[in-house]
Amino acid sequence: LSAVQENVSTWLEFLANSLVVLIVRT
């Protein structure tokens, strides 16, 4: 449970900071 919570938190942070540039490059 602790690992999944940390995982989701990190993923949401990645989405907020990187999704747009990732989609443009991809």
mmCIF file of all heavy atoms, coordinates in Angstrom:
data_MODEL
# 
_entry.id   MODEL 
# 
loop_
_atom_site.group_PDB 
_atom_site.id 
_atom_site.type_symbol 
_atom_site.label_atom_id 
_atom_site.label_alt_id 
_atom_site.label_comp_id 
_atom_site.label_asym_id 
_atom_site.label_entity_id 
_atom_site.label_seq_id 
_atom_site.pdbx_PDB_ins_code 
_atom_site.Cartn_x 
_atom_site.Cartn_y 
_atom_site.Cartn_z 
_atom_site.occupancy 
_atom_site.B_iso_or_equiv 
_atom_site.pdbx_formal_charge 
_atom_site.auth_seq_id 
_atom_site.auth_comp_id 
_atom_site.auth_asym_id 
_atom_site.auth_atom_id 
_atom_site.pdbx_PDB_model_num 
ATOM 1   N N   . LEU A 1 1  ? 0.826  -1.198 0.000   1.00 0.00 ? 1  LEU A N   1 
ATOM 2   C CA  . LEU A 1 1  ? 0.000  0.000  0.000   1.00 0.00 ? 1  LEU A CA  1 
ATOM 3   C C   . LEU A 1 1  ? 0.865  1.254  0.000   1.00 0.00 ? 1  LEU A C   1 
ATOM 4   O O   . LEU A 1 1  ? 0.617  2.197  -0.753  1.00 0.00 ? 1  LEU A O   1 
ATOM 5   C CB  . LEU A 1 1  ? -0.942 0.002  1.206   1.00 0.00 ? 1  LEU A CB  1 
ATOM 6   C CG  . LEU A 1 1  ? -1.862 1.222  1.328   1.00 0.00 ? 1  LEU A CG  1 
ATOM 7   C CD1 . LEU A 1 1  ? -2.750 1.343  0.086   1.00 0.00 ? 1  LEU A CD1 1 
ATOM 8   C CD2 . LEU A 1 1  ? -2.703 1.133  2.599   1.00 0.00 ? 1  LEU A CD2 1 
ATOM 9   N N   . SER A 1 2  ? 1.891  1.264  0.834   1.00 0.00 ? 2  SER A N   1 
ATOM 10  C CA  . SER A 1 2  ? 2.799  2.409  0.901   1.00 0.00 ? 2  SER A CA  1 
ATOM 11  C C   . SER A 1 2  ? 3.504  2.630  -0.428  1.00 0.00 ? 2  SER A C   1 
ATOM 12  O O   . SER A 1 2  ? 3.634  3.768  -0.908  1.00 0.00 ? 2  SER A O   1 
ATOM 13  C CB  . SER A 1 2  ? 3.836  2.180  2.003   1.00 0.00 ? 2  SER A CB  1 
ATOM 14  O OG  . SER A 1 2  ? 4.824  3.178  1.987   1.00 0.00 ? 2  SER A OG  1 
ATOM 15  N N   . ALA A 1 3  ? 3.948  1.532  -1.070  1.00 0.00 ? 3  ALA A N   1 
ATOM 16  C CA  . ALA A 1 3  ? 4.648  1.643  -2.349  1.00 0.00 ? 3  ALA A CA  1 
ATOM 17  C C   . ALA A 1 3  ? 3.724  2.166  -3.445  1.00 0.00 ? 3  ALA A C   1 
ATOM 18  O O   . ALA A 1 3  ? 4.122  3.022  -4.247  1.00 0.00 ? 3  ALA A O   1 
ATOM 19  C CB  . ALA A 1 3  ? 5.226  0.282  -2.748  1.00 0.00 ? 3  ALA A CB  1 
ATOM 20  N N   . VAL A 1 4  ? 2.485  1.673  -3.480  1.00 0.00 ? 4  VAL A N   1 
ATOM 21  C CA  . VAL A 1 4  ? 1.533  2.121  -4.494  1.00 0.00 ? 4  VAL A CA  1 
ATOM 22  C C   . VAL A 1 4  ? 1.212  3.598  -4.300  1.00 0.00 ? 4  VAL A C   1 
ATOM 23  O O   . VAL A 1 4  ? 1.123  4.366  -5.277  1.00 0.00 ? 4  VAL A O   1 
ATOM 24  C CB  . VAL A 1 4  ? 0.249  1.266  -4.455  1.00 0.00 ? 4  VAL A CB  1 
ATOM 25  C CG1 . VAL A 1 4  ? -0.841 1.894  -5.320  1.00 0.00 ? 4  VAL A CG1 1 
ATOM 26  C CG2 . VAL A 1 4  ? 0.538  -0.149 -4.936  1.00 0.00 ? 4  VAL A CG2 1 
ATOM 27  N N   . GLN A 1 5  ? 1.038  4.037  -3.071  1.00 0.00 ? 5  GLN A N   1 
ATOM 28  C CA  . GLN A 1 5  ? 0.754  5.452  -2.808  1.00 0.00 ? 5  GLN A CA  1 
ATOM 29  C C   . GLN A 1 5  ? 1.900  6.342  -3.288  1.00 0.00 ? 5  GLN A C   1 
ATOM 30  O O   . GLN A 1 5  ? 1.671  7.374  -3.915  1.00 0.00 ? 5  GLN A O   1 
ATOM 31  C CB  . GLN A 1 5  ? 0.501  5.653  -1.306  1.00 0.00 ? 5  GLN A CB  1 
ATOM 32  C CG  . GLN A 1 5  ? -0.819 5.086  -0.823  1.00 0.00 ? 5  GLN A CG  1 
ATOM 33  C CD  . GLN A 1 5  ? -0.980 5.191  0.686   1.00 0.00 ? 5  GLN A CD  1 
ATOM 34  O OE1 . GLN A 1 5  ? 0.004  5.244  1.441   1.00 0.00 ? 5  GLN A OE1 1 
ATOM 35  N NE2 . GLN A 1 5  ? -2.222 5.237  1.137   1.00 0.00 ? 5  GLN A NE2 1 
ATOM 36  N N   . GLU A 1 6  ? 3.131  5.937  -2.993  1.00 0.00 ? 6  GLU A N   1 
ATOM 37  C CA  . GLU A 1 6  ? 4.296  6.707  -3.443  1.00 0.00 ? 6  GLU A CA  1 
ATOM 38  C C   . GLU A 1 6  ? 4.396  6.680  -4.962  1.00 0.00 ? 6  GLU A C   1 
ATOM 39  O O   . GLU A 1 6  ? 4.729  7.688  -5.600  1.00 0.00 ? 6  GLU A O   1 
ATOM 40  C CB  . GLU A 1 6  ? 5.568  6.129  -2.822  1.00 0.00 ? 6  GLU A CB  1 
ATOM 41  C CG  . GLU A 1 6  ? 6.835  6.915  -3.133  1.00 0.00 ? 6  GLU A CG  1 
ATOM 42  C CD  . GLU A 1 6  ? 6.876  8.279  -2.474  1.00 0.00 ? 6  GLU A CD  1 
ATOM 43  O OE1 . GLU A 1 6  ? 6.179  8.467  -1.440  1.00 0.00 ? 6  GLU A OE1 1 
ATOM 44  O OE2 . GLU A 1 6  ? 7.601  9.161  -2.973  1.00 0.00 ? 6  GLU A OE2 1 
ATOM 45  N N   . ASN A 1 7  ? 4.093  5.545  -5.552  1.00 0.00 ? 7  ASN A N   1 
ATOM 46  C CA  . ASN A 1 7  ? 4.137  5.393  -7.005  1.00 0.00 ? 7  ASN A CA  1 
ATOM 47  C C   . ASN A 1 7  ? 3.142  6.323  -7.691  1.00 0.00 ? 7  ASN A C   1 
ATOM 48  O O   . ASN A 1 7  ? 3.478  7.010  -8.656  1.00 0.00 ? 7  ASN A O   1 
ATOM 49  C CB  . ASN A 1 7  ? 3.839  3.937  -7.365  1.00 0.00 ? 7  ASN A CB  1 
ATOM 50  C CG  . ASN A 1 7  ? 3.921  3.671  -8.853  1.00 0.00 ? 7  ASN A CG  1 
ATOM 51  O OD1 . ASN A 1 7  ? 5.002  3.617  -9.417  1.00 0.00 ? 7  ASN A OD1 1 
ATOM 52  N ND2 . ASN A 1 7  ? 2.772  3.501  -9.496  1.00 0.00 ? 7  ASN A ND2 1 
ATOM 53  N N   . VAL A 1 8  ? 1.906  6.356  -7.188  1.00 0.00 ? 8  VAL A N   1 
ATOM 54  C CA  . VAL A 1 8  ? 0.872  7.217  -7.777  1.00 0.00 ? 8  VAL A CA  1 
ATOM 55  C C   . VAL A 1 8  ? 1.259  8.685  -7.626  1.00 0.00 ? 8  VAL A C   1 
ATOM 56  O O   . VAL A 1 8  ? 1.100  9.486  -8.563  1.00 0.00 ? 8  VAL A O   1 
ATOM 57  C CB  . VAL A 1 8  ? -0.494 6.946  -7.121  1.00 0.00 ? 8  VAL A CB  1 
ATOM 58  C CG1 . VAL A 1 8  ? -1.513 7.984  -7.570  1.00 0.00 ? 8  VAL A CG1 1 
ATOM 59  C CG2 . VAL A 1 8  ? -0.985 5.544  -7.470  1.00 0.00 ? 8  VAL A CG2 1 
ATOM 60  N N   . SER A 1 9  ? 1.788  9.060  -6.462  1.00 0.00 ? 9  SER A N   1 
ATOM 61  C CA  . SER A 1 9  ? 2.191  10.442 -6.232  1.00 0.00 ? 9  SER A CA  1 
ATOM 62  C C   . SER A 1 9  ? 3.272  10.877 -7.225  1.00 0.00 ? 9  SER A C   1 
ATOM 63  O O   . SER A 1 9  ? 3.204  11.967 -7.798  1.00 0.00 ? 9  SER A O   1 
ATOM 64  C CB  . SER A 1 9  ? 2.711  10.593 -4.797  1.00 0.00 ? 9  SER A CB  1 
ATOM 65  O OG  . SER A 1 9  ? 3.218  11.900 -4.580  1.00 0.00 ? 9  SER A OG  1 
ATOM 66  N N   . THR A 1 10 ? 4.248  10.005 -7.458  1.00 0.00 ? 10 THR A N   1 
ATOM 67  C CA  . THR A 1 10 ? 5.320  10.323 -8.397  1.00 0.00 ? 10 THR A CA  1 
ATOM 68  C C   . THR A 1 10 ? 4.787  10.404 -9.821  1.00 0.00 ? 10 THR A C   1 
ATOM 69  O O   . THR A 1 10 ? 5.168  11.289 -10.595 1.00 0.00 ? 10 THR A O   1 
ATOM 70  C CB  . THR A 1 10 ? 6.430  9.261  -8.321  1.00 0.00 ? 10 THR A CB  1 
ATOM 71  O OG1 . THR A 1 10 ? 6.916  9.189  -6.981  1.00 0.00 ? 10 THR A OG1 1 
ATOM 72  C CG2 . THR A 1 10 ? 7.591  9.599  -9.250  1.00 0.00 ? 10 THR A CG2 1 
ATOM 73  N N   . TRP A 1 11 ? 3.888  9.485  -10.184 1.00 0.00 ? 11 TRP A N   1 
ATOM 74  C CA  . TRP A 1 11 ? 3.324  9.493  -11.530 1.00 0.00 ? 11 TRP A CA  1 
ATOM 75  C C   . TRP A 1 11 ? 2.547  10.769 -11.800 1.00 0.00 ? 11 TRP A C   1 
ATOM 76  O O   . TRP A 1 11 ? 2.677  11.369 -12.873 1.00 0.00 ? 11 TRP A O   1 
ATOM 77  C CB  . TRP A 1 11 ? 2.424  8.270  -11.728 1.00 0.00 ? 11 TRP A CB  1 
ATOM 78  C CG  . TRP A 1 11 ? 1.776  8.218  -13.078 1.00 0.00 ? 11 TRP A CG  1 
ATOM 79  C CD1 . TRP A 1 11 ? 2.404  8.099  -14.289 1.00 0.00 ? 11 TRP A CD1 1 
ATOM 80  C CD2 . TRP A 1 11 ? 0.377  8.312  -13.362 1.00 0.00 ? 11 TRP A CD2 1 
ATOM 81  N NE1 . TRP A 1 11 ? 1.476  8.099  -15.313 1.00 0.00 ? 11 TRP A NE1 1 
ATOM 82  C CE2 . TRP A 1 11 ? 0.226  8.224  -14.771 1.00 0.00 ? 11 TRP A CE2 1 
ATOM 83  C CE3 . TRP A 1 11 ? -0.760 8.432  -12.570 1.00 0.00 ? 11 TRP A CE3 1 
ATOM 84  C CZ2 . TRP A 1 11 ? -1.015 8.268  -15.385 1.00 0.00 ? 11 TRP A CZ2 1 
ATOM 85  C CZ3 . TRP A 1 11 ? -2.001 8.472  -13.182 1.00 0.00 ? 11 TRP A CZ3 1 
ATOM 86  C CH2 . TRP A 1 11 ? -2.125 8.393  -14.579 1.00 0.00 ? 11 TRP A CH2 1 
ATOM 87  N N   . LEU A 1 12 ? 1.753  11.201 -10.862 1.00 0.00 ? 12 LEU A N   1 
ATOM 88  C CA  . LEU A 1 12 ? 0.986  12.440 -11.027 1.00 0.00 ? 12 LEU A CA  1 
ATOM 89  C C   . LEU A 1 12 ? 1.913  13.641 -11.174 1.00 0.00 ? 12 LEU A C   1 
ATOM 90  O O   . LEU A 1 12 ? 1.638  14.576 -11.947 1.00 0.00 ? 12 LEU A O   1 
ATOM 91  C CB  . LEU A 1 12 ? 0.037  12.642 -9.838  1.00 0.00 ? 12 LEU A CB  1 
ATOM 92  C CG  . LEU A 1 12 ? -1.121 11.645 -9.745  1.00 0.00 ? 12 LEU A CG  1 
ATOM 93  C CD1 . LEU A 1 12 ? -1.906 11.856 -8.454  1.00 0.00 ? 12 LEU A CD1 1 
ATOM 94  C CD2 . LEU A 1 12 ? -2.039 11.750 -10.958 1.00 0.00 ? 12 LEU A CD2 1 
ATOM 95  N N   . GLU A 1 13 ? 3.025  13.617 -10.455 1.00 0.00 ? 13 GLU A N   1 
ATOM 96  C CA  . GLU A 1 13 ? 4.014  14.692 -10.576 1.00 0.00 ? 13 GLU A CA  1 
ATOM 97  C C   . GLU A 1 13 ? 4.634  14.689 -11.975 1.00 0.00 ? 13 GLU A C   1 
ATOM 98  O O   . GLU A 1 13 ? 4.818  15.747 -12.594 1.00 0.00 ? 13 GLU A O   1 
ATOM 99  C CB  . GLU A 1 13 ? 5.098  14.515 -9.510  1.00 0.00 ? 13 GLU A CB  1 
ATOM 100 C CG  . GLU A 1 13 ? 6.108  15.643 -9.462  1.00 0.00 ? 13 GLU A CG  1 
ATOM 101 C CD  . GLU A 1 13 ? 7.119  15.467 -8.348  1.00 0.00 ? 13 GLU A CD  1 
ATOM 102 O OE1 . GLU A 1 13 ? 6.914  14.593 -7.483  1.00 0.00 ? 13 GLU A OE1 1 
ATOM 103 O OE2 . GLU A 1 13 ? 8.132  16.197 -8.350  1.00 0.00 ? 13 GLU A OE2 1 
ATOM 104 N N   . PHE A 1 14 ? 4.955  13.501 -12.481 1.00 0.00 ? 14 PHE A N   1 
ATOM 105 C CA  . PHE A 1 14 ? 5.488  13.398 -13.835 1.00 0.00 ? 14 PHE A CA  1 
ATOM 106 C C   . PHE A 1 14 ? 4.492  13.931 -14.864 1.00 0.00 ? 14 PHE A C   1 
ATOM 107 O O   . PHE A 1 14 ? 4.869  14.650 -15.800 1.00 0.00 ? 14 PHE A O   1 
ATOM 108 C CB  . PHE A 1 14 ? 5.823  11.938 -14.165 1.00 0.00 ? 14 PHE A CB  1 
ATOM 109 C CG  . PHE A 1 14 ? 7.087  11.444 -13.528 1.00 0.00 ? 14 PHE A CG  1 
ATOM 110 C CD1 . PHE A 1 14 ? 7.387  10.089 -13.522 1.00 0.00 ? 14 PHE A CD1 1 
ATOM 111 C CD2 . PHE A 1 14 ? 7.993  12.310 -12.944 1.00 0.00 ? 14 PHE A CD2 1 
ATOM 112 C CE1 . PHE A 1 14 ? 8.548  9.615  -12.948 1.00 0.00 ? 14 PHE A CE1 1 
ATOM 113 C CE2 . PHE A 1 14 ? 9.165  11.856 -12.357 1.00 0.00 ? 14 PHE A CE2 1 
ATOM 114 C CZ  . PHE A 1 14 ? 9.447  10.497 -12.356 1.00 0.00 ? 14 PHE A CZ  1 
ATOM 115 N N   . LEU A 1 15 ? 3.225  13.543 -14.717 1.00 0.00 ? 15 LEU A N   1 
ATOM 116 C CA  . LEU A 1 15 ? 2.201  14.003 -15.657 1.00 0.00 ? 15 LEU A CA  1 
ATOM 117 C C   . LEU A 1 15 ? 2.131  15.524 -15.698 1.00 0.00 ? 15 LEU A C   1 
ATOM 118 O O   . LEU A 1 15 ? 2.064  16.137 -16.765 1.00 0.00 ? 15 LEU A O   1 
ATOM 119 C CB  . LEU A 1 15 ? 0.833  13.443 -15.266 1.00 0.00 ? 15 LEU A CB  1 
ATOM 120 C CG  . LEU A 1 15 ? 0.510  11.998 -15.629 1.00 0.00 ? 15 LEU A CG  1 
ATOM 121 C CD1 . LEU A 1 15 ? -0.936 11.693 -15.264 1.00 0.00 ? 15 LEU A CD1 1 
ATOM 122 C CD2 . LEU A 1 15 ? 0.735  11.721 -17.111 1.00 0.00 ? 15 LEU A CD2 1 
ATOM 123 N N   . ALA A 1 16 ? 2.154  16.132 -14.524 1.00 0.00 ? 16 ALA A N   1 
ATOM 124 C CA  . ALA A 1 16 ? 2.022  17.588 -14.443 1.00 0.00 ? 16 ALA A CA  1 
ATOM 125 C C   . ALA A 1 16 ? 3.205  18.293 -15.093 1.00 0.00 ? 16 ALA A C   1 
ATOM 126 O O   . ALA A 1 16 ? 3.048  19.357 -15.708 1.00 0.00 ? 16 ALA A O   1 
ATOM 127 C CB  . ALA A 1 16 ? 1.893  18.017 -12.979 1.00 0.00 ? 16 ALA A CB  1 
ATOM 128 N N   . ASN A 1 17 ? 4.387  17.709 -14.976 1.00 0.00 ? 17 ASN A N   1 
ATOM 129 C CA  . ASN A 1 17 ? 5.598  18.396 -15.430 1.00 0.00 ? 17 ASN A CA  1 
ATOM 130 C C   . ASN A 1 17 ? 6.074  17.998 -16.825 1.00 0.00 ? 17 ASN A C   1 
ATOM 131 O O   . ASN A 1 17 ? 6.811  18.761 -17.461 1.00 0.00 ? 17 ASN A O   1 
ATOM 132 C CB  . ASN A 1 17 ? 6.738  18.150 -14.434 1.00 0.00 ? 17 ASN A CB  1 
ATOM 133 C CG  . ASN A 1 17 ? 6.467  18.751 -13.075 1.00 0.00 ? 17 ASN A CG  1 
ATOM 134 O OD1 . ASN A 1 17 ? 5.862  19.814 -12.976 1.00 0.00 ? 17 ASN A OD1 1 
ATOM 135 N ND2 . ASN A 1 17 ? 6.902  18.083 -12.022 1.00 0.00 ? 17 ASN A ND2 1 
ATOM 136 N N   . SER A 1 18 ? 5.680  16.821 -17.300 1.00 0.00 ? 18 SER A N   1 
ATOM 137 C CA  . SER A 1 18 ? 6.328  16.293 -18.508 1.00 0.00 ? 18 SER A CA  1 
ATOM 138 C C   . SER A 1 18 ? 5.389  15.855 -19.623 1.00 0.00 ? 18 SER A C   1 
ATOM 139 O O   . SER A 1 18 ? 5.861  15.596 -20.738 1.00 0.00 ? 18 SER A O   1 
ATOM 140 C CB  . SER A 1 18 ? 7.213  15.093 -18.127 1.00 0.00 ? 18 SER A CB  1 
ATOM 141 O OG  . SER A 1 18 ? 8.128  15.424 -17.117 1.00 0.00 ? 18 SER A OG  1 
ATOM 142 N N   . LEU A 1 19 ? 4.087  15.727 -19.366 1.00 0.00 ? 19 LEU A N   1 
ATOM 143 C CA  . LEU A 1 19 ? 3.205  15.106 -20.346 1.00 0.00 ? 19 LEU A CA  1 
ATOM 144 C C   . LEU A 1 19 ? 3.171  15.862 -21.665 1.00 0.00 ? 19 LEU A C   1 
ATOM 145 O O   . LEU A 1 19 ? 3.239  15.247 -22.743 1.00 0.00 ? 19 LEU A O   1 
ATOM 146 C CB  . LEU A 1 19 ? 1.790  14.972 -19.781 1.00 0.00 ? 19 LEU A CB  1 
ATOM 147 C CG  . LEU A 1 19 ? 0.784  14.254 -20.697 1.00 0.00 ? 19 LEU A CG  1 
ATOM 148 C CD1 . LEU A 1 19 ? 1.237  12.831 -20.967 1.00 0.00 ? 19 LEU A CD1 1 
ATOM 149 C CD2 . LEU A 1 19 ? -0.608 14.268 -20.084 1.00 0.00 ? 19 LEU A CD2 1 
ATOM 150 N N   . VAL A 1 20 ? 3.093  17.176 -21.621 1.00 0.00 ? 20 VAL A N   1 
ATOM 151 C CA  . VAL A 1 20 ? 2.964  17.960 -22.855 1.00 0.00 ? 20 VAL A CA  1 
ATOM 152 C C   . VAL A 1 20 ? 4.190  17.777 -23.743 1.00 0.00 ? 20 VAL A C   1 
ATOM 153 O O   . VAL A 1 20 ? 4.081  17.475 -24.938 1.00 0.00 ? 20 VAL A O   1 
ATOM 154 C CB  . VAL A 1 20 ? 2.738  19.446 -22.540 1.00 0.00 ? 20 VAL A CB  1 
ATOM 155 C CG1 . VAL A 1 20 ? 2.782  20.269 -23.830 1.00 0.00 ? 20 VAL A CG1 1 
ATOM 156 C CG2 . VAL A 1 20 ? 1.389  19.647 -21.849 1.00 0.00 ? 20 VAL A CG2 1 
ATOM 157 N N   . VAL A 1 21 ? 5.381  17.945 -23.164 1.00 0.00 ? 21 VAL A N   1 
ATOM 158 C CA  . VAL A 1 21 ? 6.589  17.823 -23.975 1.00 0.00 ? 21 VAL A CA  1 
ATOM 159 C C   . VAL A 1 21 ? 6.775  16.394 -24.465 1.00 0.00 ? 21 VAL A C   1 
ATOM 160 O O   . VAL A 1 21 ? 7.251  16.164 -25.590 1.00 0.00 ? 21 VAL A O   1 
ATOM 161 C CB  . VAL A 1 21 ? 7.827  18.309 -23.182 1.00 0.00 ? 21 VAL A CB  1 
ATOM 162 C CG1 . VAL A 1 21 ? 8.139  17.400 -22.007 1.00 0.00 ? 21 VAL A CG1 1 
ATOM 163 C CG2 . VAL A 1 21 ? 9.041  18.410 -24.101 1.00 0.00 ? 21 VAL A CG2 1 
ATOM 164 N N   . LEU A 1 22 ? 6.358  15.414 -23.650 1.00 0.00 ? 22 LEU A N   1 
ATOM 165 C CA  . LEU A 1 22 ? 6.446  14.019 -24.081 1.00 0.00 ? 22 LEU A CA  1 
ATOM 166 C C   . LEU A 1 22 ? 5.553  13.754 -25.292 1.00 0.00 ? 22 LEU A C   1 
ATOM 167 O O   . LEU A 1 22 ? 5.964  13.082 -26.240 1.00 0.00 ? 22 LEU A O   1 
ATOM 168 C CB  . LEU A 1 22 ? 6.050  13.089 -22.933 1.00 0.00 ? 22 LEU A CB  1 
ATOM 169 C CG  . LEU A 1 22 ? 7.161  12.563 -22.024 1.00 0.00 ? 22 LEU A CG  1 
ATOM 170 C CD1 . LEU A 1 22 ? 6.558  11.725 -20.903 1.00 0.00 ? 22 LEU A CD1 1 
ATOM 171 C CD2 . LEU A 1 22 ? 8.178  11.754 -22.804 1.00 0.00 ? 22 LEU A CD2 1 
ATOM 172 N N   . ILE A 1 23 ? 4.339  14.267 -25.263 1.00 0.00 ? 23 ILE A N   1 
ATOM 173 C CA  . ILE A 1 23 ? 3.416  14.056 -26.379 1.00 0.00 ? 23 ILE A CA  1 
ATOM 174 C C   . ILE A 1 23 ? 3.925  14.740 -27.636 1.00 0.00 ? 23 ILE A C   1 
ATOM 175 O O   . ILE A 1 23 ? 3.871  14.177 -28.743 1.00 0.00 ? 23 ILE A O   1 
ATOM 176 C CB  . ILE A 1 23 ? 2.002  14.538 -26.008 1.00 0.00 ? 23 ILE A CB  1 
ATOM 177 C CG1 . ILE A 1 23 ? 1.366  13.579 -24.986 1.00 0.00 ? 23 ILE A CG1 1 
ATOM 178 C CG2 . ILE A 1 23 ? 1.125  14.655 -27.249 1.00 0.00 ? 23 ILE A CG2 1 
ATOM 179 C CD1 . ILE A 1 23 ? -0.008 13.985 -24.531 1.00 0.00 ? 23 ILE A CD1 1 
ATOM 180 N N   . VAL A 1 24 ? 4.447  15.969 -27.492 1.00 0.00 ? 24 VAL A N   1 
ATOM 181 C CA  . VAL A 1 24 ? 4.967  16.690 -28.658 1.00 0.00 ? 24 VAL A CA  1 
ATOM 182 C C   . VAL A 1 24 ? 6.125  15.917 -29.283 1.00 0.00 ? 24 VAL A C   1 
ATOM 183 O O   . VAL A 1 24 ? 6.170  15.705 -30.504 1.00 0.00 ? 24 VAL A O   1 
ATOM 184 C CB  . VAL A 1 24 ? 5.413  18.114 -28.264 1.00 0.00 ? 24 VAL A CB  1 
ATOM 185 C CG1 . VAL A 1 24 ? 6.135  18.792 -29.433 1.00 0.00 ? 24 VAL A CG1 1 
ATOM 186 C CG2 . VAL A 1 24 ? 4.213  18.953 -27.845 1.00 0.00 ? 24 VAL A CG2 1 
ATOM 187 N N   . ARG A 1 25 ? 7.077  15.470 -28.452 1.00 0.00 ? 25 ARG A N   1 
ATOM 188 C CA  . ARG A 1 25 ? 8.234  14.735 -28.978 1.00 0.00 ? 25 ARG A CA  1 
ATOM 189 C C   . ARG A 1 25 ? 7.798  13.392 -29.578 1.00 0.00 ? 25 ARG A C   1 
ATOM 190 O O   . ARG A 1 25 ? 8.234  13.027 -30.680 1.00 0.00 ? 25 ARG A O   1 
ATOM 191 C CB  . ARG A 1 25 ? 9.256  14.497 -27.869 1.00 0.00 ? 25 ARG A CB  1 
ATOM 192 C CG  . ARG A 1 25 ? 10.487 13.721 -28.362 1.00 0.00 ? 25 ARG A CG  1 
ATOM 193 C CD  . ARG A 1 25 ? 11.477 13.406 -27.252 1.00 0.00 ? 25 ARG A CD  1 
ATOM 194 N NE  . ARG A 1 25 ? 12.582 12.640 -27.776 1.00 0.00 ? 25 ARG A NE  1 
ATOM 195 C CZ  . ARG A 1 25 ? 13.692 13.144 -28.293 1.00 0.00 ? 25 ARG A CZ  1 
ATOM 196 N NH1 . ARG A 1 25 ? 13.844 14.460 -28.341 1.00 0.00 ? 25 ARG A NH1 1 
ATOM 197 N NH2 . ARG A 1 25 ? 14.656 12.372 -28.761 1.00 0.00 ? 25 ARG A NH2 1 
ATOM 198 N N   . THR A 1 26 ? 6.947  12.677 -28.856 1.00 0.00 ? 26 THR A N   1 
ATOM 199 C CA  . THR A 1 26 ? 6.534  11.357 -29.313 1.00 0.00 ? 26 THR A CA  1 
ATOM 200 C C   . THR A 1 26 ? 5.755  11.449 -30.616 1.00 0.00 ? 26 THR A C   1 
ATOM 201 O O   . THR A 1 26 ? 5.940  10.618 -31.525 1.00 0.00 ? 26 THR A O   1 
ATOM 202 C CB  . THR A 1 26 ? 5.683  10.665 -28.233 1.00 0.00 ? 26 THR A CB  1 
ATOM 203 O OG1 . THR A 1 26 ? 6.432  10.604 -27.011 1.00 0.00 ? 26 THR A OG1 1 
ATOM 204 C CG2 . THR A 1 26 ? 5.325  9.251  -28.653 1.00 0.00 ? 26 THR A CG2 1 
# 
